[in-house]
Amino acid sequence: MRRIIKIAPMHKLIKRAGAARVSEESAIALSEILEEVGLKVAKEAIDFARHAGRKTVKARDIKIAAEKMLEKVLGR
């Protein structure tokens, strides 16, 4: 599968989190994970939009889907 999220921003993100150095493998891994999570959130958001009778996915759909996913992961 073709990568959607580029690697360079992953290096910057990991450094912003406090890393002194970032390996290429870690940047690639983060990119893959964020794409996977992003797709799951987007699919859930599409369901919310459809349920509301809309074809357009709005920011609130994404936010609700992300919160729902985090609740599952964090057990809240």
N, C-alpha and C. Protein backbone atom coordinates (compact mmCIF):
# COMPACT_ATOMS: atom_id res chain seq x y z
N MET A 1 0.85 -1.19 0.00
CA MET A 1 0.00 0.00 0.00
C MET A 1 0.89 1.25 0.00
N ARG A 2 0.50 2.21 -0.77
CA ARG A 2 1.25 3.46 -0.87
C ARG A 2 1.05 4.29 0.40
N ARG A 3 2.15 4.82 0.90
CA ARG A 3 2.11 5.61 2.13
C ARG A 3 1.46 6.97 1.86
N ILE A 4 0.52 7.34 2.72
CA ILE A 4 -0.15 8.63 2.61
C ILE A 4 0.57 9.66 3.47
N ILE A 5 0.90 9.27 4.69
CA ILE A 5 1.58 10.18 5.61
C ILE A 5 3.08 10.07 5.38
N LYS A 6 3.70 11.18 5.07
CA LYS A 6 5.13 11.21 4.78
C LYS A 6 5.96 11.00 6.04
N ILE A 7 7.20 10.58 5.85
CA ILE A 7 8.08 10.22 6.95
C ILE A 7 8.69 11.45 7.63
N ALA A 8 9.06 12.46 6.87
CA ALA A 8 9.73 13.65 7.45
C ALA A 8 8.91 14.28 8.59
N PRO A 9 7.60 14.45 8.42
CA PRO A 9 6.84 15.01 9.54
C PRO A 9 6.83 14.11 10.78
N MET A 10 7.01 12.80 10.57
CA MET A 10 7.06 11.88 11.71
C MET A 10 8.34 12.11 12.52
N HIS A 11 9.44 12.37 11.82
CA HIS A 11 10.69 12.71 12.50
C HIS A 11 10.47 13.95 13.37
N LYS A 12 9.84 14.96 12.79
CA LYS A 12 9.60 16.22 13.52
C LYS A 12 8.67 15.99 14.71
N LEU A 13 7.66 15.17 14.52
CA LEU A 13 6.71 14.91 15.59
C LEU A 13 7.38 14.20 16.77
N ILE A 14 8.19 13.21 16.46
CA ILE A 14 8.89 12.47 17.52
C ILE A 14 9.88 13.38 18.23
N LYS A 15 10.57 14.24 17.47
CA LYS A 15 11.50 15.19 18.09
C LYS A 15 10.74 16.19 18.96
N ARG A 16 9.59 16.64 18.48
CA ARG A 16 8.78 17.58 19.26
C ARG A 16 8.34 16.94 20.58
N ALA A 17 8.18 15.63 20.57
CA ALA A 17 7.80 14.90 21.78
C ALA A 17 8.96 14.78 22.76
N GLY A 18 10.18 15.13 22.29
CA GLY A 18 11.31 15.17 23.21
C GLY A 18 12.49 14.28 22.86
N ALA A 19 12.42 13.56 21.76
CA ALA A 19 13.54 12.68 21.39
C ALA A 19 14.72 13.50 20.89
N ALA A 20 15.91 13.12 21.32
CA ALA A 20 17.12 13.78 20.84
C ALA A 20 17.44 13.32 19.42
N ARG A 21 17.23 12.03 19.16
CA ARG A 21 17.49 11.47 17.84
C ARG A 21 16.34 10.55 17.47
N VAL A 22 16.10 10.42 16.17
CA VAL A 22 14.98 9.62 15.69
C VAL A 22 15.47 8.71 14.57
N SER A 23 15.25 7.42 14.72
CA SER A 23 15.64 6.49 13.66
C SER A 23 14.61 6.51 12.54
N GLU A 24 15.06 6.17 11.36
CA GLU A 24 14.17 6.09 10.21
C GLU A 24 13.07 5.06 10.46
N GLU A 25 13.44 3.95 11.09
CA GLU A 25 12.47 2.89 11.37
C GLU A 25 11.37 3.37 12.30
N SER A 26 11.72 4.18 13.29
CA SER A 26 10.70 4.67 14.22
C SER A 26 9.75 5.65 13.51
N ALA A 27 10.29 6.47 12.63
CA ALA A 27 9.45 7.40 11.88
C ALA A 27 8.50 6.64 10.95
N ILE A 28 9.01 5.60 10.32
CA ILE A 28 8.17 4.78 9.44
C ILE A 28 7.09 4.08 10.25
N ALA A 29 7.46 3.53 11.40
CA ALA A 29 6.49 2.83 12.25
C ALA A 29 5.38 3.78 12.70
N LEU A 30 5.75 4.99 13.11
CA LEU A 30 4.74 5.95 13.54
C LEU A 30 3.82 6.31 12.37
N SER A 31 4.39 6.49 11.21
CA SER A 31 3.60 6.81 10.02
C SER A 31 2.58 5.71 9.74
N GLU A 32 3.03 4.47 9.79
CA GLU A 32 2.13 3.34 9.52
C GLU A 32 1.01 3.26 10.55
N ILE A 33 1.37 3.45 11.82
CA ILE A 33 0.37 3.37 12.89
C ILE A 33 -0.64 4.50 12.77
N LEU A 34 -0.16 5.72 12.51
CA LEU A 34 -1.07 6.85 12.39
C LEU A 34 -2.00 6.71 11.19
N GLU A 35 -1.49 6.14 10.11
CA GLU A 35 -2.36 5.89 8.95
C GLU A 35 -3.44 4.88 9.29
N GLU A 36 -3.06 3.82 9.97
CA GLU A 36 -4.02 2.78 10.34
C GLU A 36 -5.10 3.35 11.27
N VAL A 37 -4.67 4.08 12.27
CA VAL A 37 -5.62 4.69 13.21
C VAL A 37 -6.48 5.73 12.49
N GLY A 38 -5.85 6.53 11.65
CA GLY A 38 -6.58 7.55 10.91
C GLY A 38 -7.67 6.96 10.02
N LEU A 39 -7.36 5.86 9.37
CA LEU A 39 -8.37 5.20 8.53
C LEU A 39 -9.54 4.68 9.36
N LYS A 40 -9.24 4.13 10.51
CA LYS A 40 -10.31 3.63 11.38
C LYS A 40 -11.19 4.78 11.87
N VAL A 41 -10.57 5.87 12.26
CA VAL A 41 -11.33 7.05 12.71
C VAL A 41 -12.17 7.58 11.55
N ALA A 42 -11.59 7.67 10.37
CA ALA A 42 -12.32 8.19 9.21
C ALA A 42 -13.52 7.31 8.87
N LYS A 43 -13.34 6.00 8.92
CA LYS A 43 -14.46 5.09 8.62
C LYS A 43 -15.58 5.25 9.63
N GLU A 44 -15.21 5.39 10.89
CA GLU A 44 -16.22 5.60 11.94
C GLU A 44 -16.93 6.94 11.72
N ALA A 45 -16.17 7.96 11.35
CA ALA A 45 -16.75 9.28 11.11
C ALA A 45 -17.71 9.25 9.92
N ILE A 46 -17.38 8.48 8.91
CA ILE A 46 -18.28 8.32 7.76
C ILE A 46 -19.61 7.72 8.21
N ASP A 47 -19.53 6.74 9.10
CA ASP A 47 -20.76 6.14 9.64
C ASP A 47 -21.60 7.17 10.38
N PHE A 48 -20.95 8.03 11.18
CA PHE A 48 -21.68 9.07 11.91
C PHE A 48 -22.35 10.03 10.94
N ALA A 49 -21.64 10.43 9.90
CA ALA A 49 -22.21 11.35 8.91
C ALA A 49 -23.41 10.71 8.21
N ARG A 50 -23.27 9.47 7.82
CA ARG A 50 -24.38 8.77 7.15
C ARG A 50 -25.58 8.64 8.08
N HIS A 51 -25.30 8.32 9.34
CA HIS A 51 -26.38 8.19 10.32
C HIS A 51 -27.13 9.51 10.47
N ALA A 52 -26.42 10.61 10.33
CA ALA A 52 -27.03 11.94 10.43
C ALA A 52 -27.67 12.37 9.11
N GLY A 53 -27.61 11.50 8.10
CA GLY A 53 -28.22 11.81 6.82
C GLY A 53 -27.37 12.71 5.94
N ARG A 54 -26.07 12.74 6.20
CA ARG A 54 -25.17 13.59 5.42
C ARG A 54 -24.20 12.75 4.61
N LYS A 55 -23.75 13.31 3.49
CA LYS A 55 -22.67 12.71 2.71
C LYS A 55 -21.33 13.31 3.11
N THR A 56 -21.39 14.50 3.69
CA THR A 56 -20.18 15.23 4.07
C THR A 56 -19.75 14.86 5.48
N VAL A 57 -18.50 14.48 5.62
CA VAL A 57 -17.92 14.22 6.94
C VAL A 57 -17.45 15.55 7.49
N LYS A 58 -17.91 15.87 8.68
CA LYS A 58 -17.55 17.14 9.31
C LYS A 58 -16.55 16.92 10.43
N ALA A 59 -15.96 18.01 10.86
CA ALA A 59 -14.95 17.94 11.93
C ALA A 59 -15.52 17.27 13.17
N ARG A 60 -16.77 17.56 13.49
CA ARG A 60 -17.36 16.96 14.69
C ARG A 60 -17.48 15.44 14.57
N ASP A 61 -17.69 14.94 13.34
CA ASP A 61 -17.74 13.49 13.13
C ASP A 61 -16.37 12.87 13.44
N ILE A 62 -15.33 13.52 12.97
CA ILE A 62 -13.97 13.04 13.21
C ILE A 62 -13.67 13.07 14.71
N LYS A 63 -14.02 14.17 15.37
CA LYS A 63 -13.74 14.30 16.80
C LYS A 63 -14.49 13.25 17.61
N ILE A 64 -15.75 13.03 17.28
CA ILE A 64 -16.53 12.02 18.01
C ILE A 64 -15.95 10.63 17.77
N ALA A 65 -15.60 10.34 16.53
CA ALA A 65 -15.03 9.02 16.21
C ALA A 65 -13.70 8.82 16.93
N ALA A 66 -12.87 9.85 16.98
CA ALA A 66 -11.58 9.74 17.66
C ALA A 66 -11.78 9.55 19.16
N GLU A 67 -12.71 10.29 19.74
CA GLU A 67 -12.99 10.15 21.17
C GLU A 67 -13.50 8.74 21.48
N LYS A 68 -14.37 8.23 20.62
CA LYS A 68 -14.91 6.89 20.81
C LYS A 68 -13.79 5.85 20.75
N MET A 69 -12.87 6.02 19.80
CA MET A 69 -11.76 5.08 19.68
C MET A 69 -10.84 5.16 20.90
N LEU A 70 -10.58 6.38 21.36
CA LEU A 70 -9.72 6.54 22.54
C LEU A 70 -10.37 5.93 23.78
N GLU A 71 -11.68 6.05 23.89
CA GLU A 71 -12.38 5.44 25.02
C GLU A 71 -12.19 3.93 25.01
N LYS A 72 -12.25 3.33 23.82
CA LYS A 72 -12.05 1.88 23.70
C LYS A 72 -10.63 1.50 24.11
N VAL A 73 -9.67 2.28 23.65
CA VAL A 73 -8.26 1.97 23.91
C VAL A 73 -7.92 2.20 25.38
N LEU A 74 -8.39 3.32 25.93
CA LEU A 74 -8.04 3.68 27.29
C LEU A 74 -8.99 3.10 28.33
N GLY A 75 -10.09 2.51 27.87
CA GLY A 75 -11.04 1.89 28.78
C GLY A 75 -11.80 2.87 29.64
N ARG A 76 -12.09 4.02 29.09
CA ARG A 76 -12.83 5.04 29.86
C ARG A 76 -14.30 4.87 29.69
